[in-house]
Amino acid sequence: MKRGFSLLELILVMAIIAIIAGIAVSNITNRMKYAQAKSLVEQFISDIQWVRSLALKYNSATIKFYSNKYEIYAPSSSVTPKKIVNLPSGVSISENFGSSLDFLSNTLPEENGTITFNAFGKTYRIVINLNGGIRLEE
């Protein structure tokens, strides 16, 4: 009667386990990147709400956009930003506002438009309209 496993059987089981582990790690890594991207977008939406409150307090506020960061100014004429957010590698931002989104003292934006985050292969669009509505599209 044969007892135990042969070396070939052990190597085959180890190879199957390695393949399954590789697939699982890849899926976990992708999910972590998507979660980080979603968190960045949600933080940006929160910053928009904060800028609206700054506009009420200072009579105006602005978000200035760059490809790898955005800056918040209040009042809009200020030369020193209230906040600078540097985006991580693999994340870019674009918009159709002409490089800045300005809010008036009534907390409404001066114009409507779209801000696009490209993060780790996924695209998020934030649509802002003149009545102050903010909509996230994935």
N, C-alpha and C. Protein backbone atom coordinates (compact mmCIF):
# COMPACT_ATOMS: atom_id res chain seq x y z
N MET A 1 0.84 -1.18 0.00
CA MET A 1 0.00 0.00 0.00
C MET A 1 0.88 1.24 0.00
N LYS A 2 0.59 2.14 -0.87
CA LYS A 2 1.36 3.37 -1.05
C LYS A 2 0.88 4.41 -0.05
N ARG A 3 1.82 5.12 0.63
CA ARG A 3 1.48 6.15 1.61
C ARG A 3 2.07 7.48 1.17
N GLY A 4 1.33 8.59 1.36
CA GLY A 4 1.82 9.92 1.05
C GLY A 4 1.60 10.29 -0.40
N PHE A 5 2.24 11.42 -0.77
CA PHE A 5 2.09 11.96 -2.12
C PHE A 5 3.44 11.92 -2.83
N SER A 6 3.39 11.77 -4.12
CA SER A 6 4.63 11.80 -4.89
C SER A 6 5.07 13.25 -5.08
N LEU A 7 6.32 13.44 -5.42
CA LEU A 7 6.87 14.78 -5.66
C LEU A 7 6.11 15.47 -6.79
N LEU A 8 5.77 14.75 -7.82
CA LEU A 8 5.02 15.32 -8.94
C LEU A 8 3.66 15.83 -8.50
N GLU A 9 2.96 15.10 -7.67
CA GLU A 9 1.65 15.54 -7.17
C GLU A 9 1.78 16.81 -6.33
N LEU A 10 2.79 16.87 -5.48
CA LEU A 10 3.01 18.06 -4.66
C LEU A 10 3.33 19.27 -5.51
N ILE A 11 4.16 19.11 -6.52
CA ILE A 11 4.51 20.23 -7.41
C ILE A 11 3.28 20.71 -8.17
N LEU A 12 2.45 19.77 -8.62
CA LEU A 12 1.24 20.14 -9.36
C LEU A 12 0.28 20.92 -8.46
N VAL A 13 0.06 20.51 -7.24
CA VAL A 13 -0.81 21.23 -6.31
C VAL A 13 -0.24 22.62 -6.01
N MET A 14 1.08 22.70 -5.80
CA MET A 14 1.72 24.00 -5.53
C MET A 14 1.55 24.95 -6.73
N ALA A 15 1.65 24.42 -7.94
CA ALA A 15 1.48 25.25 -9.14
C ALA A 15 0.05 25.79 -9.24
N ILE A 16 -0.92 24.95 -8.95
CA ILE A 16 -2.33 25.38 -8.99
C ILE A 16 -2.58 26.46 -7.94
N ILE A 17 -2.05 26.26 -6.74
CA ILE A 17 -2.20 27.27 -5.68
C ILE A 17 -1.55 28.58 -6.09
N ALA A 18 -0.38 28.54 -6.72
CA ALA A 18 0.31 29.77 -7.16
C ALA A 18 -0.51 30.51 -8.21
N ILE A 19 -1.11 29.79 -9.13
CA ILE A 19 -1.93 30.43 -10.17
C ILE A 19 -3.14 31.10 -9.55
N ILE A 20 -3.82 30.41 -8.67
CA ILE A 20 -5.00 30.99 -8.01
C ILE A 20 -4.61 32.21 -7.18
N ALA A 21 -3.50 32.14 -6.46
CA ALA A 21 -3.03 33.28 -5.66
C ALA A 21 -2.69 34.47 -6.56
N GLY A 22 -2.07 34.23 -7.69
CA GLY A 22 -1.74 35.31 -8.62
C GLY A 22 -2.97 36.02 -9.13
N ILE A 23 -4.00 35.27 -9.46
CA ILE A 23 -5.25 35.87 -9.93
C ILE A 23 -5.90 36.68 -8.82
N ALA A 24 -5.91 36.14 -7.61
CA ALA A 24 -6.53 36.85 -6.47
C ALA A 24 -5.79 38.15 -6.16
N VAL A 25 -4.47 38.12 -6.17
CA VAL A 25 -3.70 39.34 -5.89
C VAL A 25 -3.95 40.40 -6.95
N SER A 26 -4.03 39.99 -8.21
CA SER A 26 -4.31 40.93 -9.30
C SER A 26 -5.67 41.59 -9.11
N ASN A 27 -6.68 40.81 -8.77
CA ASN A 27 -8.01 41.37 -8.55
C ASN A 27 -8.04 42.32 -7.36
N ILE A 28 -7.37 41.96 -6.30
CA ILE A 28 -7.33 42.82 -5.11
C ILE A 28 -6.62 44.13 -5.43
N THR A 29 -5.53 44.08 -6.17
CA THR A 29 -4.80 45.29 -6.55
C THR A 29 -5.67 46.22 -7.38
N ASN A 30 -6.38 45.67 -8.36
CA ASN A 30 -7.27 46.49 -9.19
C ASN A 30 -8.38 47.12 -8.36
N ARG A 31 -8.96 46.35 -7.47
CA ARG A 31 -10.04 46.89 -6.63
C ARG A 31 -9.52 48.01 -5.72
N MET A 32 -8.30 47.86 -5.22
CA MET A 32 -7.71 48.91 -4.38
C MET A 32 -7.50 50.19 -5.17
N LYS A 33 -7.04 50.08 -6.42
CA LYS A 33 -6.85 51.26 -7.27
C LYS A 33 -8.18 51.95 -7.55
N TYR A 34 -9.21 51.16 -7.86
CA TYR A 34 -10.52 51.75 -8.12
C TYR A 34 -11.10 52.41 -6.88
N ALA A 35 -10.88 51.80 -5.73
CA ALA A 35 -11.35 52.40 -4.47
C ALA A 35 -10.62 53.70 -4.20
N GLN A 36 -9.32 53.74 -4.48
CA GLN A 36 -8.56 54.98 -4.28
C GLN A 36 -9.06 56.06 -5.24
N ALA A 37 -9.32 55.70 -6.49
CA ALA A 37 -9.82 56.67 -7.47
C ALA A 37 -11.18 57.21 -7.04
N LYS A 38 -12.07 56.34 -6.62
CA LYS A 38 -13.40 56.77 -6.18
C LYS A 38 -13.28 57.69 -4.96
N SER A 39 -12.38 57.38 -4.05
CA SER A 39 -12.16 58.21 -2.87
C SER A 39 -11.67 59.60 -3.26
N LEU A 40 -10.78 59.68 -4.25
CA LEU A 40 -10.29 60.98 -4.72
C LEU A 40 -11.43 61.82 -5.30
N VAL A 41 -12.27 61.19 -6.08
CA VAL A 41 -13.40 61.90 -6.70
C VAL A 41 -14.38 62.37 -5.62
N GLU A 42 -14.66 61.52 -4.66
CA GLU A 42 -15.57 61.93 -3.58
C GLU A 42 -14.97 63.06 -2.75
N GLN A 43 -13.64 63.04 -2.55
CA GLN A 43 -12.98 64.14 -1.83
C GLN A 43 -13.11 65.43 -2.63
N PHE A 44 -12.98 65.33 -3.95
CA PHE A 44 -13.11 66.52 -4.79
C PHE A 44 -14.53 67.10 -4.69
N ILE A 45 -15.54 66.24 -4.71
CA ILE A 45 -16.91 66.72 -4.58
C ILE A 45 -17.10 67.40 -3.23
N SER A 46 -16.50 66.84 -2.21
CA SER A 46 -16.55 67.48 -0.88
C SER A 46 -15.86 68.84 -0.91
N ASP A 47 -14.75 68.92 -1.63
CA ASP A 47 -14.06 70.21 -1.76
C ASP A 47 -14.91 71.24 -2.50
N ILE A 48 -15.68 70.79 -3.49
CA ILE A 48 -16.58 71.72 -4.19
C ILE A 48 -17.59 72.31 -3.19
N GLN A 49 -18.14 71.46 -2.34
CA GLN A 49 -19.09 71.95 -1.33
C GLN A 49 -18.41 72.95 -0.39
N TRP A 50 -17.17 72.67 -0.02
CA TRP A 50 -16.43 73.58 0.85
C TRP A 50 -16.19 74.92 0.15
N VAL A 51 -15.84 74.87 -1.14
CA VAL A 51 -15.62 76.10 -1.91
C VAL A 51 -16.90 76.92 -1.98
N ARG A 52 -18.02 76.27 -2.11
CA ARG A 52 -19.30 76.99 -2.11
C ARG A 52 -19.51 77.73 -0.79
N SER A 53 -19.16 77.09 0.32
CA SER A 53 -19.30 77.77 1.61
C SER A 53 -18.29 78.91 1.75
N LEU A 54 -17.11 78.74 1.17
CA LEU A 54 -16.12 79.83 1.17
C LEU A 54 -16.63 81.01 0.34
N ALA A 55 -17.32 80.73 -0.75
CA ALA A 55 -17.86 81.81 -1.58
C ALA A 55 -18.89 82.61 -0.80
N LEU A 56 -19.66 81.95 0.01
CA LEU A 56 -20.64 82.65 0.84
C LEU A 56 -19.94 83.54 1.86
N LYS A 57 -18.87 83.03 2.44
CA LYS A 57 -18.14 83.77 3.47
C LYS A 57 -17.32 84.92 2.90
N TYR A 58 -16.63 84.68 1.77
CA TYR A 58 -15.71 85.68 1.20
C TYR A 58 -16.25 86.40 -0.03
N ASN A 59 -17.49 86.14 -0.41
CA ASN A 59 -18.15 86.74 -1.59
C ASN A 59 -17.69 86.17 -2.92
N SER A 60 -16.71 85.28 -2.91
CA SER A 60 -16.29 84.59 -4.13
C SER A 60 -15.28 83.51 -3.74
N ALA A 61 -15.16 82.51 -4.58
CA ALA A 61 -14.17 81.45 -4.38
C ALA A 61 -13.91 80.79 -5.72
N THR A 62 -12.72 80.21 -5.87
CA THR A 62 -12.30 79.64 -7.14
C THR A 62 -11.56 78.33 -6.93
N ILE A 63 -11.79 77.40 -7.84
CA ILE A 63 -10.95 76.20 -7.93
C ILE A 63 -10.17 76.32 -9.23
N LYS A 64 -8.85 76.32 -9.14
CA LYS A 64 -7.99 76.36 -10.34
C LYS A 64 -7.49 74.96 -10.63
N PHE A 65 -7.57 74.57 -11.90
CA PHE A 65 -7.23 73.22 -12.31
C PHE A 65 -5.90 73.17 -13.06
N TYR A 66 -5.15 72.14 -12.77
CA TYR A 66 -3.93 71.80 -13.49
C TYR A 66 -4.03 70.31 -13.80
N SER A 67 -3.18 69.80 -14.65
CA SER A 67 -3.32 68.39 -15.05
C SER A 67 -3.11 67.43 -13.88
N ASN A 68 -2.28 67.80 -12.91
CA ASN A 68 -1.97 66.87 -11.82
C ASN A 68 -2.31 67.42 -10.43
N LYS A 69 -3.06 68.52 -10.37
CA LYS A 69 -3.46 69.08 -9.07
C LYS A 69 -4.59 70.08 -9.26
N TYR A 70 -5.18 70.50 -8.14
CA TYR A 70 -6.11 71.63 -8.15
C TYR A 70 -5.87 72.45 -6.90
N GLU A 71 -6.19 73.74 -7.01
CA GLU A 71 -5.98 74.68 -5.91
C GLU A 71 -7.28 75.43 -5.63
N ILE A 72 -7.50 75.74 -4.35
CA ILE A 72 -8.71 76.44 -3.94
C ILE A 72 -8.34 77.82 -3.40
N TYR A 73 -9.01 78.85 -3.92
CA TYR A 73 -8.74 80.23 -3.51
C TYR A 73 -10.03 80.87 -3.00
N ALA A 74 -9.90 81.62 -1.92
CA ALA A 74 -11.04 82.40 -1.41
C ALA A 74 -10.47 83.62 -0.69
N PRO A 75 -10.89 84.80 -1.09
CA PRO A 75 -11.75 85.11 -2.23
C PRO A 75 -11.04 84.77 -3.54
N SER A 76 -11.75 84.86 -4.63
CA SER A 76 -11.19 84.49 -5.93
C SER A 76 -9.95 85.29 -6.28
N SER A 77 -9.86 86.52 -5.80
CA SER A 77 -8.72 87.38 -6.13
C SER A 77 -7.48 87.07 -5.28
N SER A 78 -7.60 86.18 -4.32
CA SER A 78 -6.48 85.84 -3.44
C SER A 78 -5.34 85.22 -4.23
N VAL A 79 -4.11 85.50 -3.82
CA VAL A 79 -2.94 84.91 -4.47
C VAL A 79 -2.41 83.69 -3.72
N THR A 80 -2.90 83.51 -2.52
CA THR A 80 -2.48 82.36 -1.71
C THR A 80 -3.62 81.36 -1.63
N PRO A 81 -3.39 80.14 -2.07
CA PRO A 81 -4.47 79.16 -2.02
C PRO A 81 -4.81 78.72 -0.60
N LYS A 82 -6.08 78.45 -0.38
CA LYS A 82 -6.54 77.90 0.90
C LYS A 82 -6.17 76.42 1.00
N LYS A 83 -6.13 75.76 -0.16
CA LYS A 83 -5.82 74.33 -0.19
C LYS A 83 -5.23 73.96 -1.53
N ILE A 84 -4.22 73.10 -1.52
CA ILE A 84 -3.63 72.55 -2.74
C ILE A 84 -3.75 71.03 -2.64
N VAL A 85 -4.30 70.41 -3.67
CA VAL A 85 -4.42 68.95 -3.71
C VAL A 85 -3.61 68.43 -4.89
N ASN A 86 -2.52 67.73 -4.58
CA ASN A 86 -1.71 67.09 -5.60
C ASN A 86 -2.25 65.69 -5.86
N LEU A 87 -2.51 65.38 -7.10
CA LEU A 87 -3.06 64.08 -7.46
C LEU A 87 -1.95 63.05 -7.54
N PRO A 88 -2.21 61.81 -7.15
CA PRO A 88 -1.18 60.78 -7.21
C PRO A 88 -0.86 60.40 -8.66
N SER A 89 0.25 59.76 -8.82
CA SER A 89 0.66 59.28 -10.14
C SER A 89 -0.43 58.35 -10.68
N GLY A 90 -0.75 58.49 -11.95
CA GLY A 90 -1.79 57.67 -12.55
C GLY A 90 -3.16 58.33 -12.55
N VAL A 91 -3.23 59.56 -12.00
CA VAL A 91 -4.51 60.29 -11.94
C VAL A 91 -4.32 61.65 -12.61
N SER A 92 -5.25 61.99 -13.49
CA SER A 92 -5.21 63.32 -14.12
C SER A 92 -6.61 63.92 -14.07
N ILE A 93 -6.64 65.24 -14.21
CA ILE A 93 -7.90 65.97 -14.15
C ILE A 93 -7.98 66.91 -15.35
N SER A 94 -9.15 67.02 -15.93
CA SER A 94 -9.37 67.98 -17.01
C SER A 94 -10.76 68.57 -16.83
N GLU A 95 -10.97 69.73 -17.42
CA GLU A 95 -12.26 70.41 -17.27
C GLU A 95 -12.52 71.26 -18.49
N ASN A 96 -13.74 71.77 -18.61
CA ASN A 96 -14.08 72.64 -19.74
C ASN A 96 -14.54 74.01 -19.25
N PHE A 97 -13.95 74.47 -18.14
CA PHE A 97 -14.29 75.77 -17.58
C PHE A 97 -13.30 76.86 -17.99
N GLY A 98 -12.20 76.51 -18.63
CA GLY A 98 -11.18 77.50 -18.94
C GLY A 98 -10.17 77.60 -17.80
N SER A 99 -9.84 76.51 -17.18
CA SER A 99 -8.83 76.33 -16.13
C SER A 99 -9.28 76.71 -14.72
N SER A 100 -10.48 77.28 -14.54
CA SER A 100 -10.94 77.56 -13.18
C SER A 100 -12.46 77.50 -13.11
N LEU A 101 -12.93 77.15 -11.94
CA LEU A 101 -14.36 77.12 -11.65
C LEU A 101 -14.60 78.16 -10.58
N ASP A 102 -15.37 79.19 -10.92
CA ASP A 102 -15.61 80.31 -10.01
C ASP A 102 -17.01 80.23 -9.42
N PHE A 103 -17.09 80.51 -8.11
CA PHE A 103 -18.37 80.55 -7.42
C PHE A 103 -18.64 81.96 -6.93
N LEU A 104 -19.88 82.38 -7.07
CA LEU A 104 -20.31 83.72 -6.67
C LEU A 104 -20.71 83.72 -5.20
N SER A 105 -21.02 84.89 -4.68
CA SER A 105 -21.40 85.01 -3.27
C SER A 105 -22.70 84.26 -2.94
N ASN A 106 -23.52 83.97 -3.94
CA ASN A 106 -24.75 83.19 -3.71
C ASN A 106 -24.48 81.68 -3.77
N THR A 107 -23.21 81.29 -3.81
CA THR A 107 -22.69 79.91 -3.84
C THR A 107 -22.95 79.17 -5.15
N LEU A 108 -23.44 79.87 -6.16
CA LEU A 108 -23.67 79.24 -7.45
C LEU A 108 -22.46 79.43 -8.36
N PRO A 109 -22.19 78.48 -9.24
CA PRO A 109 -21.07 78.64 -10.17
C PRO A 109 -21.38 79.69 -11.23
N GLU A 110 -20.33 80.32 -11.74
CA GLU A 110 -20.52 81.32 -12.81
C GLU A 110 -20.89 80.67 -14.13
N GLU A 111 -20.50 79.40 -14.31
CA GLU A 111 -20.83 78.70 -15.55
C GLU A 111 -20.98 77.21 -15.25
N ASN A 112 -21.66 76.51 -16.16
CA ASN A 112 -21.77 75.06 -15.98
C ASN A 112 -20.71 74.36 -16.81
N GLY A 113 -20.45 73.12 -16.46
CA GLY A 113 -19.43 72.38 -17.20
C GLY A 113 -19.17 71.02 -16.58
N THR A 114 -18.10 70.40 -17.06
CA THR A 114 -17.76 69.05 -16.65
C THR A 114 -16.30 68.97 -16.25
N ILE A 115 -16.05 68.26 -15.17
CA ILE A 115 -14.69 67.98 -14.71
C ILE A 115 -14.50 66.48 -14.87
N THR A 116 -13.41 66.07 -15.48
CA THR A 116 -13.15 64.66 -15.74
C THR A 116 -11.90 64.21 -15.00
N PHE A 117 -12.05 63.16 -14.22
CA PHE A 117 -10.93 62.51 -13.56
C PHE A 117 -10.62 61.22 -14.31
N ASN A 118 -9.39 61.05 -14.75
CA ASN A 118 -8.93 59.79 -15.31
C ASN A 118 -8.01 59.18 -14.27
N ALA A 119 -8.44 58.08 -13.69
CA ALA A 119 -7.70 57.49 -12.58
C ALA A 119 -7.54 55.99 -12.77
N PHE A 120 -6.33 55.57 -12.97
CA PHE A 120 -6.00 54.14 -13.04
C PHE A 120 -6.86 53.41 -14.06
N GLY A 121 -7.07 54.03 -15.22
CA GLY A 121 -7.82 53.39 -16.28
C GLY A 121 -9.33 53.55 -16.18
N LYS A 122 -9.81 54.27 -15.20
CA LYS A 122 -11.25 54.50 -15.05
C LYS A 122 -11.52 56.00 -15.16
N THR A 123 -12.64 56.35 -15.75
CA THR A 123 -12.99 57.75 -15.95
C THR A 123 -14.22 58.11 -15.14
N TYR A 124 -14.12 59.23 -14.43
CA TYR A 124 -15.23 59.77 -13.65
C TYR A 124 -15.50 61.18 -14.16
N ARG A 125 -16.78 61.48 -14.39
CA ARG A 125 -17.17 62.83 -14.81
C ARG A 125 -18.03 63.46 -13.72
N ILE A 126 -17.68 64.70 -13.38
CA ILE A 126 -18.47 65.46 -12.43
C ILE A 126 -19.11 66.60 -13.21
N VAL A 127 -20.41 66.60 -13.28
CA VAL A 127 -21.16 67.61 -14.04
C VAL A 127 -21.69 68.65 -13.05
N ILE A 128 -21.38 69.91 -13.32
CA ILE A 128 -21.83 71.01 -12.48
C ILE A 128 -22.72 71.91 -13.32
N ASN A 129 -23.94 72.21 -12.82
CA ASN A 129 -24.82 73.08 -13.58
C ASN A 129 -25.04 74.40 -12.85
N LEU A 130 -25.62 75.34 -13.55
CA LEU A 130 -25.76 76.71 -13.04
C LEU A 130 -26.63 76.84 -11.79
N ASN A 131 -27.51 75.88 -11.55
CA ASN A 131 -28.34 75.99 -10.35
C ASN A 131 -27.64 75.36 -9.14
N GLY A 132 -26.37 74.99 -9.30
CA GLY A 132 -25.57 74.46 -8.20
C GLY A 132 -25.57 72.96 -8.07
N GLY A 133 -26.28 72.28 -8.96
CA GLY A 133 -26.32 70.82 -8.91
C GLY A 133 -24.98 70.19 -9.28
N ILE A 134 -24.64 69.12 -8.60
CA ILE A 134 -23.40 68.40 -8.86
C ILE A 134 -23.80 66.92 -9.07
N ARG A 135 -23.37 66.35 -10.19
CA ARG A 135 -23.72 64.98 -10.52
C ARG A 135 -22.45 64.20 -10.88
N LEU A 136 -22.28 63.03 -10.28
CA LEU A 136 -21.14 62.17 -10.58
C LEU A 136 -21.58 61.11 -11.57
N GLU A 137 -20.82 60.99 -12.66
CA GLU A 137 -21.07 59.95 -13.67
C GLU A 137 -19.84 59.08 -13.75
N GLU A 138 -20.08 57.76 -13.66
CA GLU A 138 -18.95 56.82 -13.73
C GLU A 138 -18.91 56.15 -15.07
